[in-house]
């Protein structure tokens, strides 16, 4: 009877969870991990109650890790939102790597680092069409390091938006020390909507956003971001003063 109660409780958690008042479901990438964990934990019931409880706890954590919260997406076309939950660890004005095809003009790159406790579902930052998807193999350095943008394994989408074909934004999913699996569900030529889910990175990672030329970041170092909700820049404020400061 105890085992049945545990399994029923776990299935309820997997189906629809409520954490801190926010409704969320499980991203399909997590179904396999949860199913395997639940199965192994059930088998452990016949050998060790302690191992079984540990298994159920780890399974519940997997369900928590792959959670997919509902988000309120800003409707204003001029607002570019964060693709990831996490902390802003870098704001740099530089020329993008040539292989991304973003041109030779300097533009701001905003780096958001995700901890293992953050939501890892990634969302599209702007309405538009995917011009290109570039995968680059690489290392698995600490994602919070600035050089991770250059040396780590990553997958980058270049998105055209607005009426001008020259309006481009780049979004890079970057693997980290623990993260070894980048999931991108978007293909070249696909129309995308702001806030739409496009993938995730398993177990710790980082997202870099290359803003359009002339766009000025409206976030500061150390700021916490929410995918699909936190505004990275307002295109109506091009030429505005860069926000200064750091949250410690």
C-alpha atoms as a PDB file:
ATOM      1  CA  UNK A   1       0.000   0.000   0.000  1.00  0.00           C
ATOM      2  CA  UNK A   2       2.868   2.368   0.836  1.00  0.00           C
ATOM      3  CA  UNK A   3       4.427   1.713  -2.587  1.00  0.00           C
ATOM      4  CA  UNK A   4       1.151   2.468  -4.348  1.00  0.00           C
ATOM      5  CA  UNK A   5       0.774   5.725  -2.449  1.00  0.00           C
ATOM      6  CA  UNK A   6       4.316   6.752  -3.412  1.00  0.00           C
ATOM      7  CA  UNK A   7       3.807   5.918  -7.080  1.00  0.00           C
ATOM      8  CA  UNK A   8       0.479   7.751  -7.215  1.00  0.00           C
ATOM      9  CA  UNK A   9       2.067  10.777  -5.597  1.00  0.00           C
ATOM     10  CA  UNK A  10       4.963  10.741  -8.046  1.00  0.00           C
ATOM     11  CA  UNK A  11       2.656  10.419 -11.051  1.00  0.00           C
ATOM     12  CA  UNK A  12       0.693  13.382  -9.779  1.00  0.00           C
ATOM     13  CA  UNK A  13       3.913  15.387  -9.495  1.00  0.00           C
ATOM     14  CA  UNK A  14       4.961  14.432 -13.028  1.00  0.00           C
ATOM     15  CA  UNK A  15       1.580  15.208 -14.572  1.00  0.00           C
ATOM     16  CA  UNK A  16       1.114  18.687 -13.147  1.00  0.00           C
ATOM     17  CA  UNK A  17       3.113  20.233 -10.352  1.00  0.00           C
ATOM     18  CA  UNK A  18       2.622  23.314  -8.227  1.00  0.00           C
ATOM     19  CA  UNK A  19       5.740  24.908  -6.784  1.00  0.00           C
ATOM     20  CA  UNK A  20       5.628  28.172  -4.864  1.00  0.00           C
ATOM     21  CA  UNK A  21       2.232  28.965  -6.370  1.00  0.00           C
ATOM     22  CA  UNK A  22       3.367  28.604 -10.015  1.00  0.00           C
ATOM     23  CA  UNK A  23       1.709  25.956 -12.172  1.00  0.00           C
ATOM     24  CA  UNK A  24       4.033  24.002 -14.426  1.00  0.00           C
ATOM     25  CA  UNK A  25       4.279  20.735 -16.297  1.00  0.00           C
ATOM     26  CA  UNK A  26       7.240  18.589 -17.369  1.00  0.00           C
ATOM     27  CA  UNK A  27       9.135  19.170 -20.607  1.00  0.00           C
ATOM     28  CA  UNK A  28       9.070  16.013 -22.737  1.00  0.00           C
ATOM     29  CA  UNK A  29      12.875  15.722 -22.531  1.00  0.00           C
ATOM     30  CA  UNK A  30      12.416  14.825 -18.872  1.00  0.00           C
ATOM     31  CA  UNK A  31       9.877  12.011 -19.344  1.00  0.00           C
ATOM     32  CA  UNK A  32      12.566   9.364 -19.891  1.00  0.00           C
ATOM     33  CA  UNK A  33      14.551  10.342 -16.795  1.00  0.00           C
ATOM     34  CA  UNK A  34      11.441  10.414 -14.627  1.00  0.00           C
ATOM     35  CA  UNK A  35      10.169   7.087 -15.990  1.00  0.00           C
ATOM     36  CA  UNK A  36      13.515   5.340 -15.466  1.00  0.00           C
ATOM     37  CA  UNK A  37      13.896   6.795 -11.978  1.00  0.00           C
ATOM     38  CA  UNK A  38      10.391   5.763 -10.995  1.00  0.00           C
ATOM     39  CA  UNK A  39      10.922   2.237 -12.347  1.00  0.00           C
ATOM     40  CA  UNK A  40      14.237   1.735 -10.555  1.00  0.00           C
ATOM     41  CA  UNK A  41      12.801   3.155  -7.319  1.00  0.00           C
ATOM     42  CA  UNK A  42       9.875   0.737  -7.531  1.00  0.00           C
ATOM     43  CA  UNK A  43      12.244  -2.234  -7.977  1.00  0.00           C
ATOM     44  CA  UNK A  44      14.250  -1.044  -4.964  1.00  0.00           C
ATOM     45  CA  UNK A  45      11.097  -1.413  -2.873  1.00  0.00           C
ATOM     46  CA  UNK A  46      11.657  -5.162  -2.850  1.00  0.00           C
ATOM     47  CA  UNK A  47      15.251  -4.860  -1.573  1.00  0.00           C
ATOM     48  CA  UNK A  48      15.660  -1.722   0.513  1.00  0.00           C
ATOM     49  CA  UNK A  49      13.178   0.885   1.712  1.00  0.00           C
ATOM     50  CA  UNK A  50      16.040   3.382   2.128  1.00  0.00           C
ATOM     51  CA  UNK A  51      17.254   2.981  -1.460  1.00  0.00           C
ATOM     52  CA  UNK A  52      13.679   3.202  -2.652  1.00  0.00           C
ATOM     53  CA  UNK A  53      13.119   6.514  -0.863  1.00  0.00           C
ATOM     54  CA  UNK A  54      16.406   7.881  -2.230  1.00  0.00           C
ATOM     55  CA  UNK A  55      15.342   6.825  -5.716  1.00  0.00           C
ATOM     56  CA  UNK A  56      11.953   8.510  -5.400  1.00  0.00           C
ATOM     57  CA  UNK A  57      13.596  11.708  -4.132  1.00  0.00           C
ATOM     58  CA  UNK A  58      16.028  11.762  -7.079  1.00  0.00           C
ATOM     59  CA  UNK A  59      13.154  11.061  -9.462  1.00  0.00           C
ATOM     60  CA  UNK A  60      11.194  13.956  -7.997  1.00  0.00           C
ATOM     61  CA  UNK A  61      14.271  16.172  -8.499  1.00  0.00           C
ATOM     62  CA  UNK A  62      14.415  15.159 -12.183  1.00  0.00           C
ATOM     63  CA  UNK A  63      10.760  16.125 -12.507  1.00  0.00           C
ATOM     64  CA  UNK A  64      11.583  19.445 -10.817  1.00  0.00           C
ATOM     65  CA  UNK A  65      14.608  20.023 -13.075  1.00  0.00           C
ATOM     66  CA  UNK A  66      12.617  19.508 -16.281  1.00  0.00           C
ATOM     67  CA  UNK A  67       9.724  21.681 -15.105  1.00  0.00           C
ATOM     68  CA  UNK A  68       8.100  23.951 -17.651  1.00  0.00           C
ATOM     69  CA  UNK A  69       6.417  26.922 -15.920  1.00  0.00           C
ATOM     70  CA  UNK A  70       3.771  29.059 -17.553  1.00  0.00           C
ATOM     71  CA  UNK A  71       5.093  32.481 -18.519  1.00  0.00           C
ATOM     72  CA  UNK A  72       3.490  35.861 -19.291  1.00  0.00           C
ATOM     73  CA  UNK A  73       5.108  36.939 -22.570  1.00  0.00           C
ATOM     74  CA  UNK A  74       5.226  40.719 -23.341  1.00  0.00           C
ATOM     75  CA  UNK A  75       3.248  41.486 -26.503  1.00  0.00           C
ATOM     76  CA  UNK A  76       5.178  44.629 -27.482  1.00  0.00           C
ATOM     77  CA  UNK A  77       7.142  43.824 -30.671  1.00  0.00           C
ATOM     78  CA  UNK A  78       9.934  46.183 -29.576  1.00  0.00           C
ATOM     79  CA  UNK A  79      10.757  44.186 -26.451  1.00  0.00           C
ATOM     80  CA  UNK A  80      13.379  41.433 -26.690  1.00  0.00           C
ATOM     81  CA  UNK A  81      13.139  38.991 -23.803  1.00  0.00           C
ATOM     82  CA  UNK A  82      15.581  36.629 -22.147  1.00  0.00           C
ATOM     83  CA  UNK A  83      15.762  33.101 -23.607  1.00  0.00           C
ATOM     84  CA  UNK A  84      16.690  31.590 -20.244  1.00  0.00           C
ATOM     85  CA  UNK A  85      16.205  31.716 -16.498  1.00  0.00           C
ATOM     86  CA  UNK A  86      19.408  32.492 -14.644  1.00  0.00           C
ATOM     87  CA  UNK A  87      21.814  35.279 -13.759  1.00  0.00           C
ATOM     88  CA  UNK A  88      23.399  37.865 -16.061  1.00  0.00           C
ATOM     89  CA  UNK A  89      27.143  37.144 -15.936  1.00  0.00           C
ATOM     90  CA  UNK A  90      28.330  39.199 -18.886  1.00  0.00           C
ATOM     91  CA  UNK A  91      27.438  42.312 -20.918  1.00  0.00           C
ATOM     92  CA  UNK A  92      29.998  42.902 -23.645  1.00  0.00           C
ATOM     93  CA  UNK A  93      30.126  45.191 -26.697  1.00  0.00           C
ATOM     94  CA  UNK A  94      32.056  43.323 -29.398  1.00  0.00           C
ATOM     95  CA  UNK A  95      32.097  42.018 -32.957  1.00  0.00           C
ATOM     96  CA  UNK A  96      30.319  38.643 -33.215  1.00  0.00           C
ATOM     97  CA  UNK A  97      32.236  35.576 -34.437  1.00  0.00           C
ATOM     98  CA  UNK A  98      32.368  35.542 -38.232  1.00  0.00           C
ATOM     99  CA  UNK A  99      30.759  32.101 -38.491  1.00  0.00           C
ATOM    100  CA  UNK A 100      27.494  33.445 -37.066  1.00  0.00           C
ATOM    101  CA  UNK A 101      26.953  35.753 -40.028  1.00  0.00           C
ATOM    102  CA  UNK A 102      25.889  38.691 -37.869  1.00  0.00           C
ATOM    103  CA  UNK A 103      28.130  41.195 -39.642  1.00  0.00           C
ATOM    104  CA  UNK A 104      31.213  43.115 -38.564  1.00  0.00           C
ATOM    105  CA  UNK A 105      29.552  45.857 -36.524  1.00  0.00           C
ATOM    106  CA  UNK A 106      29.883  45.716 -32.764  1.00  0.00           C
ATOM    107  CA  UNK A 107      26.791  44.684 -30.832  1.00  0.00           C
ATOM    108  CA  UNK A 108      26.068  43.801 -27.224  1.00  0.00           C
ATOM    109  CA  UNK A 109      26.312  40.206 -26.086  1.00  0.00           C
ATOM    110  CA  UNK A 110      24.356  39.382 -22.918  1.00  0.00           C
ATOM    111  CA  UNK A 111      25.325  36.157 -21.149  1.00  0.00           C
ATOM    112  CA  UNK A 112      22.884  34.383 -18.821  1.00  0.00           C
ATOM    113  CA  UNK A 113      24.246  31.542 -16.695  1.00  0.00           C
ATOM    114  CA  UNK A 114      21.865  28.860 -15.407  1.00  0.00           C
ATOM    115  CA  UNK A 115      22.418  26.952 -12.176  1.00  0.00           C
ATOM    116  CA  UNK A 116      21.206  23.402 -11.748  1.00  0.00           C
ATOM    117  CA  UNK A 117      18.193  24.752  -9.814  1.00  0.00           C
ATOM    118  CA  UNK A 118      17.031  27.129 -12.562  1.00  0.00           C
ATOM    119  CA  UNK A 119      14.331  26.299 -15.093  1.00  0.00           C
ATOM    120  CA  UNK A 120      16.226  24.965 -18.120  1.00  0.00           C
ATOM    121  CA  UNK A 121      13.536  25.363 -20.780  1.00  0.00           C
ATOM    122  CA  UNK A 122      14.726  27.929 -23.362  1.00  0.00           C
ATOM    123  CA  UNK A 123      12.390  30.388 -25.097  1.00  0.00           C
ATOM    124  CA  UNK A 124      12.535  32.462 -28.281  1.00  0.00           C
ATOM    125  CA  UNK A 125      13.382  36.133 -27.463  1.00  0.00           C
ATOM    126  CA  UNK A 126      11.656  37.812 -30.446  1.00  0.00           C
ATOM    127  CA  UNK A 127       9.123  37.201 -33.225  1.00  0.00           C
ATOM    128  CA  UNK A 128      10.789  36.394 -36.524  1.00  0.00           C
ATOM    129  CA  UNK A 129      12.190  33.728 -38.848  1.00  0.00           C
ATOM    130  CA  UNK A 130      15.192  31.487 -38.200  1.00  0.00           C
ATOM    131  CA  UNK A 131      17.846  32.402 -40.758  1.00  0.00           C
ATOM    132  CA  UNK A 132      20.404  29.854 -39.654  1.00  0.00           C
ATOM    133  CA  UNK A 133      21.208  27.257 -36.983  1.00  0.00           C
ATOM    134  CA  UNK A 134      24.916  26.697 -36.322  1.00  0.00           C
ATOM    135  CA  UNK A 135      26.236  23.871 -34.166  1.00  0.00           C
ATOM    136  CA  UNK A 136      29.850  24.104 -32.970  1.00  0.00           C
ATOM    137  CA  UNK A 137      31.576  21.305 -31.028  1.00  0.00           C
ATOM    138  CA  UNK A 138      33.881  22.332 -28.229  1.00  0.00           C
ATOM    139  CA  UNK A 139      34.964  21.996 -24.612  1.00  0.00           C
ATOM    140  CA  UNK A 140      32.926  21.885 -21.403  1.00  0.00           C
ATOM    141  CA  UNK A 141      34.431  24.705 -19.342  1.00  0.00           C
ATOM    142  CA  UNK A 142      32.588  26.374 -16.468  1.00  0.00           C
ATOM    143  CA  UNK A 143      29.687  28.137 -18.194  1.00  0.00           C
ATOM    144  CA  UNK A 144      30.112  31.262 -16.040  1.00  0.00           C
ATOM    145  CA  UNK A 145      33.541  31.957 -17.571  1.00  0.00           C
ATOM    146  CA  UNK A 146      33.583  34.497 -20.408  1.00  0.00           C
ATOM    147  CA  UNK A 147      35.783  32.220 -22.543  1.00  0.00           C
ATOM    148  CA  UNK A 148      33.022  29.590 -22.486  1.00  0.00           C
ATOM    149  CA  UNK A 149      31.376  31.623 -25.277  1.00  0.00           C
ATOM    150  CA  UNK A 150      34.390  30.885 -27.478  1.00  0.00           C
ATOM    151  CA  UNK A 151      35.602  27.430 -26.482  1.00  0.00           C
ATOM    152  CA  UNK A 152      32.543  25.480 -25.268  1.00  0.00           C
ATOM    153  CA  UNK A 153      30.195  23.335 -27.291  1.00  0.00           C
ATOM    154  CA  UNK A 154      27.288  25.487 -28.448  1.00  0.00           C
ATOM    155  CA  UNK A 155      24.325  25.767 -30.747  1.00  0.00           C
ATOM    156  CA  UNK A 156      23.397  29.186 -32.157  1.00  0.00           C
ATOM    157  CA  UNK A 157      20.222  30.400 -33.849  1.00  0.00           C
ATOM    158  CA  UNK A 158      20.267  33.534 -35.992  1.00  0.00           C
ATOM    159  CA  UNK A 159      16.795  35.094 -36.188  1.00  0.00           C
ATOM    160  CA  UNK A 160      15.557  37.738 -38.634  1.00  0.00           C
ATOM    161  CA  UNK A 161      12.865  39.998 -37.245  1.00  0.00           C
ATOM    162  CA  UNK A 162      10.937  43.116 -38.146  1.00  0.00           C
ATOM    163  CA  UNK A 163      10.475  44.550 -41.637  1.00  0.00           C
ATOM    164  CA  UNK A 164      14.209  44.978 -42.255  1.00  0.00           C
ATOM    165  CA  UNK A 165      16.082  41.791 -43.234  1.00  0.00           C
ATOM    166  CA  UNK A 166      19.197  43.321 -41.670  1.00  0.00           C
ATOM    167  CA  UNK A 167      17.627  43.102 -38.200  1.00  0.00           C
ATOM    168  CA  UNK A 168      19.330  40.034 -36.773  1.00  0.00           C
ATOM    169  CA  UNK A 169      19.628  38.550 -33.313  1.00  0.00           C
ATOM    170  CA  UNK A 170      21.748  35.591 -32.246  1.00  0.00           C
ATOM    171  CA  UNK A 171      20.885  33.142 -29.459  1.00  0.00           C
ATOM    172  CA  UNK A 172      23.532  30.626 -28.343  1.00  0.00           C
ATOM    173  CA  UNK A 173      22.911  27.607 -26.125  1.00  0.00           C
ATOM    174  CA  UNK A 174      26.257  26.839 -24.480  1.00  0.00           C
ATOM    175  CA  UNK A 175      27.123  23.620 -22.658  1.00  0.00           C
ATOM    176  CA  UNK A 176      28.888  23.737 -19.300  1.00  0.00           C
ATOM    177  CA  UNK A 177      30.868  21.475 -16.961  1.00  0.00           C
ATOM    178  CA  UNK A 178      27.889  19.225 -16.207  1.00  0.00           C
ATOM    179  CA  UNK A 179      25.689  20.004 -19.202  1.00  0.00           C
ATOM    180  CA  UNK A 180      26.552  17.586 -22.026  1.00  0.00           C
ATOM    181  CA  UNK A 181      23.372  17.614 -24.070  1.00  0.00           C
ATOM    182  CA  UNK A 182      22.036  20.604 -26.009  1.00  0.00           C
ATOM    183  CA  UNK A 183      18.477  20.202 -27.260  1.00  0.00           C
ATOM    184  CA  UNK A 184      17.306  22.542 -30.051  1.00  0.00           C
ATOM    185  CA  UNK A 185      13.902  21.900 -31.621  1.00  0.00           C
ATOM    186  CA  UNK A 186      14.089  24.720 -34.188  1.00  0.00           C
ATOM    187  CA  UNK A 187      15.173  24.427 -37.837  1.00  0.00           C
ATOM    188  CA  UNK A 188      16.337  26.862 -40.497  1.00  0.00           C
ATOM    189  CA  UNK A 189      13.548  28.796 -42.202  1.00  0.00           C
ATOM    190  CA  UNK A 190      11.052  28.273 -39.375  1.00  0.00           C
ATOM    191  CA  UNK A 191       8.810  31.117 -38.244  1.00  0.00           C
ATOM    192  CA  UNK A 192       9.061  31.600 -34.484  1.00  0.00           C
ATOM    193  CA  UNK A 193       7.141  33.542 -31.866  1.00  0.00           C
ATOM    194  CA  UNK A 194       8.452  35.350 -28.817  1.00  0.00           C
ATOM    195  CA  UNK A 195       8.188  33.145 -25.746  1.00  0.00           C
ATOM    196  CA  UNK A 196       7.902  29.931 -27.776  1.00  0.00           C
ATOM    197  CA  UNK A 197       9.903  27.004 -26.350  1.00  0.00           C
ATOM    198  CA  UNK A 198      12.793  26.024 -28.607  1.00  0.00           C
ATOM    199  CA  UNK A 199      14.847  23.627 -26.466  1.00  0.00           C
ATOM    200  CA  UNK A 200      16.902  23.201 -23.323  1.00  0.00           C
ATOM    201  CA  UNK A 201      20.320  22.207 -22.038  1.00  0.00           C
ATOM    202  CA  UNK A 202      20.497  19.386 -19.533  1.00  0.00           C
ATOM    203  CA  UNK A 203      21.933  20.001 -16.064  1.00  0.00           C
ATOM    204  CA  UNK A 204      23.530  23.437 -15.967  1.00  0.00           C
ATOM    205  CA  UNK A 205      24.338  25.694 -18.900  1.00  0.00           C
ATOM    206  CA  UNK A 206      24.445  29.192 -20.353  1.00  0.00           C
ATOM    207  CA  UNK A 207      22.680  31.280 -22.994  1.00  0.00           C
ATOM    208  CA  UNK A 208      24.253  34.160 -24.909  1.00  0.00           C
ATOM    209  CA  UNK A 209      22.128  36.706 -26.756  1.00  0.00           C
ATOM    210  CA  UNK A 210      23.630  38.898 -29.487  1.00  0.00           C
ATOM    211  CA  UNK A 211      21.381  41.965 -29.562  1.00  0.00           C
ATOM    212  CA  UNK A 212      20.662  43.866 -32.794  1.00  0.00           C
ATOM    213  CA  UNK A 213      23.176  46.545 -33.761  1.00  0.00           C
ATOM    214  CA  UNK A 214      22.362  49.734 -31.841  1.00  0.00           C
ATOM    215  CA  UNK A 215      20.255  48.017 -29.186  1.00  0.00           C
ATOM    216  CA  UNK A 216      21.260  48.809 -25.599  1.00  0.00           C
ATOM    217  CA  UNK A 217      20.883  46.269 -22.750  1.00  0.00           C
ATOM    218  CA  UNK A 218      18.294  47.097 -20.100  1.00  0.00           C
ATOM    219  CA  UNK A 219      19.721  44.609 -17.588  1.00  0.00           C
ATOM    220  CA  UNK A 220      22.761  44.748 -15.322  1.00  0.00           C
ATOM    221  CA  UNK A 221      25.357  42.256 -14.136  1.00  0.00           C
ATOM    222  CA  UNK A 222      24.066  39.924 -11.474  1.00  0.00           C
ATOM    223  CA  UNK A 223      20.424  40.488 -12.367  1.00  0.00           C
ATOM    224  CA  UNK A 224      18.134  37.452 -12.273  1.00  0.00           C
ATOM    225  CA  UNK A 225      16.317  36.762 -15.538  1.00  0.00           C
ATOM    226  CA  UNK A 226      13.114  34.856 -16.293  1.00  0.00           C
ATOM    227  CA  UNK A 227      12.821  33.212 -19.718  1.00  0.00           C
ATOM    228  CA  UNK A 228      10.139  34.788 -21.850  1.00  0.00           C
ATOM    229  CA  UNK A 229       9.452  37.601 -19.364  1.00  0.00           C
ATOM    230  CA  UNK A 230      12.599  39.574 -18.474  1.00  0.00           C
ATOM    231  CA  UNK A 231      13.191  42.358 -21.025  1.00  0.00           C
ATOM    232  CA  UNK A 232      16.788  42.453 -22.257  1.00  0.00           C
ATOM    233  CA  UNK A 233      16.310  45.537 -24.436  1.00  0.00           C
ATOM    234  CA  UNK A 234      13.644  47.859 -25.787  1.00  0.00           C
ATOM    235  CA  UNK A 235      14.259  48.589 -29.478  1.00  0.00           C
ATOM    236  CA  UNK A 236      12.510  51.941 -29.112  1.00  0.00           C
ATOM    237  CA  UNK A 237      15.336  53.000 -26.815  1.00  0.00           C
ATOM    238  CA  UNK A 238      18.219  52.519 -29.263  1.00  0.00           C
ATOM    239  CA  UNK A 239      20.966  54.913 -28.334  1.00  0.00           C
ATOM    240  CA  UNK A 240      19.842  54.976 -24.703  1.00  0.00           C
ATOM    241  CA  UNK A 241      22.418  55.019 -21.924  1.00  0.00           C
ATOM    242  CA  UNK A 242      23.719  51.633 -20.840  1.00  0.00           C
ATOM    243  CA  UNK A 243      22.499  50.713 -17.375  1.00  0.00           C
ATOM    244  CA  UNK A 244      25.419  50.529 -14.988  1.00  0.00           C
ATOM    245  CA  UNK A 245      25.808  48.590 -11.800  1.00  0.00           C
ATOM    246  CA  UNK A 246      26.159  45.100 -10.471  1.00  0.00           C
ATOM    247  CA  UNK A 247      23.972  43.081  -8.130  1.00  0.00           C
ATOM    248  CA  UNK A 248      26.116  41.387  -5.489  1.00  0.00           C
END
